[in-house]
Amino acid sequence: MAGKHIYDGEQFGAGAIVTGPALIQEPTTTVVIKDGWQAQLHETGTYKLTRAA
């Protein structure tokens, strides 16, 4: 898993952005973010995946 970052999603607040390649570990799931993509945590606790700028 060289080059990937692993994050604890419970440490994020609304609006947090993670750019791939990365993994976000949550208590009930793991979010995989591929290279060229990013995830932003919404205030409802869901992640929105979009192409990185």
N, C-alpha and C. Protein backbone atom coordinates (compact mmCIF):
# COMPACT_ATOMS: atom_id res chain seq x y z
N MET A 1 0.82 -1.19 0.00
CA MET A 1 0.00 0.00 0.00
C MET A 1 0.87 1.25 0.00
N ALA A 2 1.96 1.20 -0.65
CA ALA A 2 2.88 2.33 -0.71
C ALA A 2 2.22 3.54 -1.35
N GLY A 3 2.44 4.71 -0.76
CA GLY A 3 1.93 5.95 -1.32
C GLY A 3 0.53 6.31 -0.87
N LYS A 4 -0.16 5.40 -0.19
CA LYS A 4 -1.51 5.71 0.28
C LYS A 4 -1.46 6.21 1.71
N HIS A 5 -2.41 7.02 2.05
CA HIS A 5 -2.55 7.51 3.41
C HIS A 5 -3.79 6.88 4.02
N ILE A 6 -3.72 6.58 5.30
CA ILE A 6 -4.85 5.99 6.02
C ILE A 6 -5.27 6.97 7.11
N TYR A 7 -6.55 7.33 7.11
CA TYR A 7 -7.08 8.32 8.04
C TYR A 7 -8.17 7.73 8.92
N ASP A 8 -8.28 8.23 10.12
CA ASP A 8 -9.35 7.89 11.04
C ASP A 8 -10.47 8.90 10.82
N GLY A 9 -11.55 8.48 10.17
CA GLY A 9 -12.65 9.38 9.84
C GLY A 9 -13.32 10.02 11.04
N GLU A 10 -13.21 9.41 12.20
CA GLU A 10 -13.83 9.98 13.40
C GLU A 10 -13.12 11.26 13.85
N GLN A 11 -11.94 11.52 13.30
CA GLN A 11 -11.19 12.71 13.67
C GLN A 11 -11.55 13.91 12.79
N PHE A 12 -12.35 13.70 11.74
CA PHE A 12 -12.70 14.76 10.80
C PHE A 12 -13.94 15.52 11.24
N GLY A 13 -13.99 16.78 10.87
CA GLY A 13 -15.18 17.60 11.04
C GLY A 13 -15.78 17.89 9.68
N ALA A 14 -16.99 18.42 9.68
CA ALA A 14 -17.67 18.75 8.42
C ALA A 14 -16.78 19.65 7.58
N GLY A 15 -16.72 19.36 6.29
CA GLY A 15 -15.92 20.15 5.37
C GLY A 15 -14.52 19.61 5.14
N ALA A 16 -14.10 18.62 5.93
CA ALA A 16 -12.77 18.05 5.76
C ALA A 16 -12.64 17.44 4.37
N ILE A 17 -11.48 17.64 3.74
CA ILE A 17 -11.23 17.12 2.40
C ILE A 17 -10.00 16.22 2.43
N VAL A 18 -10.12 15.05 1.83
CA VAL A 18 -9.01 14.10 1.72
C VAL A 18 -8.82 13.80 0.24
N THR A 19 -7.59 13.95 -0.24
CA THR A 19 -7.26 13.68 -1.64
C THR A 19 -6.56 12.33 -1.76
N GLY A 20 -6.97 11.55 -2.75
CA GLY A 20 -6.42 10.22 -2.93
C GLY A 20 -5.05 10.22 -3.57
N PRO A 21 -4.37 9.11 -3.48
CA PRO A 21 -4.87 7.84 -2.96
C PRO A 21 -4.88 7.82 -1.44
N ALA A 22 -5.98 7.35 -0.89
CA ALA A 22 -6.14 7.32 0.56
C ALA A 22 -7.26 6.37 0.96
N LEU A 23 -7.23 6.00 2.24
CA LEU A 23 -8.31 5.23 2.87
C LEU A 23 -8.79 6.02 4.07
N ILE A 24 -10.11 6.06 4.25
CA ILE A 24 -10.69 6.67 5.44
C ILE A 24 -11.40 5.55 6.19
N GLN A 25 -10.93 5.26 7.39
CA GLN A 25 -11.53 4.20 8.19
C GLN A 25 -12.59 4.80 9.11
N GLU A 26 -13.78 4.26 9.03
CA GLU A 26 -14.92 4.64 9.87
C GLU A 26 -15.31 3.40 10.68
N PRO A 27 -16.10 3.58 11.75
CA PRO A 27 -16.48 2.42 12.57
C PRO A 27 -17.21 1.32 11.79
N THR A 28 -17.99 1.70 10.77
CA THR A 28 -18.79 0.70 10.06
C THR A 28 -18.40 0.50 8.60
N THR A 29 -17.40 1.25 8.12
CA THR A 29 -17.01 1.13 6.71
C THR A 29 -15.61 1.70 6.48
N THR A 30 -15.09 1.46 5.31
CA THR A 30 -13.83 2.07 4.88
C THR A 30 -14.08 2.71 3.53
N VAL A 31 -13.69 3.97 3.37
CA VAL A 31 -13.85 4.70 2.12
C VAL A 31 -12.51 4.66 1.38
N VAL A 32 -12.55 4.18 0.14
CA VAL A 32 -11.35 4.11 -0.69
C VAL A 32 -11.40 5.29 -1.67
N ILE A 33 -10.34 6.09 -1.67
CA ILE A 33 -10.26 7.24 -2.57
C ILE A 33 -9.09 6.99 -3.52
N LYS A 34 -9.40 6.83 -4.78
CA LYS A 34 -8.37 6.56 -5.79
C LYS A 34 -7.61 7.83 -6.14
N ASP A 35 -6.44 7.63 -6.72
CA ASP A 35 -5.64 8.75 -7.19
C ASP A 35 -6.45 9.59 -8.17
N GLY A 36 -6.40 10.90 -8.03
CA GLY A 36 -7.15 11.80 -8.91
C GLY A 36 -8.54 12.13 -8.39
N TRP A 37 -8.90 11.59 -7.23
CA TRP A 37 -10.20 11.85 -6.63
C TRP A 37 -10.02 12.45 -5.24
N GLN A 38 -11.08 13.05 -4.73
CA GLN A 38 -11.07 13.56 -3.36
C GLN A 38 -12.43 13.33 -2.72
N ALA A 39 -12.42 13.25 -1.40
CA ALA A 39 -13.65 13.06 -0.63
C ALA A 39 -13.80 14.24 0.32
N GLN A 40 -15.01 14.77 0.39
CA GLN A 40 -15.30 15.85 1.33
C GLN A 40 -16.41 15.38 2.26
N LEU A 41 -16.19 15.57 3.57
CA LEU A 41 -17.17 15.15 4.57
C LEU A 41 -18.26 16.20 4.70
N HIS A 42 -19.49 15.78 4.48
CA HIS A 42 -20.66 16.66 4.60
C HIS A 42 -21.08 16.70 6.06
N GLU A 43 -21.81 17.73 6.43
CA GLU A 43 -22.26 17.87 7.83
C GLU A 43 -23.19 16.74 8.28
N THR A 44 -23.77 16.00 7.32
CA THR A 44 -24.64 14.88 7.66
C THR A 44 -23.83 13.61 7.97
N GLY A 45 -22.50 13.67 7.74
CA GLY A 45 -21.65 12.52 8.01
C GLY A 45 -21.37 11.66 6.81
N THR A 46 -21.83 12.08 5.62
CA THR A 46 -21.57 11.33 4.41
C THR A 46 -20.41 11.98 3.64
N TYR A 47 -19.74 11.18 2.81
CA TYR A 47 -18.63 11.67 2.01
C TYR A 47 -19.09 11.88 0.58
N LYS A 48 -18.68 12.99 -0.01
CA LYS A 48 -18.96 13.27 -1.42
C LYS A 48 -17.66 13.12 -2.18
N LEU A 49 -17.63 12.21 -3.16
CA LEU A 49 -16.44 11.98 -3.96
C LEU A 49 -16.52 12.78 -5.25
N THR A 50 -15.44 13.50 -5.56
CA THR A 50 -15.35 14.29 -6.78
C THR A 50 -13.95 14.17 -7.36
N ARG A 51 -13.80 14.52 -8.60
CA ARG A 51 -12.48 14.56 -9.23
C ARG A 51 -11.66 15.67 -8.57
N ALA A 52 -10.41 15.37 -8.26
CA ALA A 52 -9.53 16.37 -7.67
C ALA A 52 -9.18 17.41 -8.71
N ALA A 53 -9.07 18.65 -8.27
CA ALA A 53 -8.74 19.75 -9.19
C ALA A 53 -7.28 19.78 -9.52
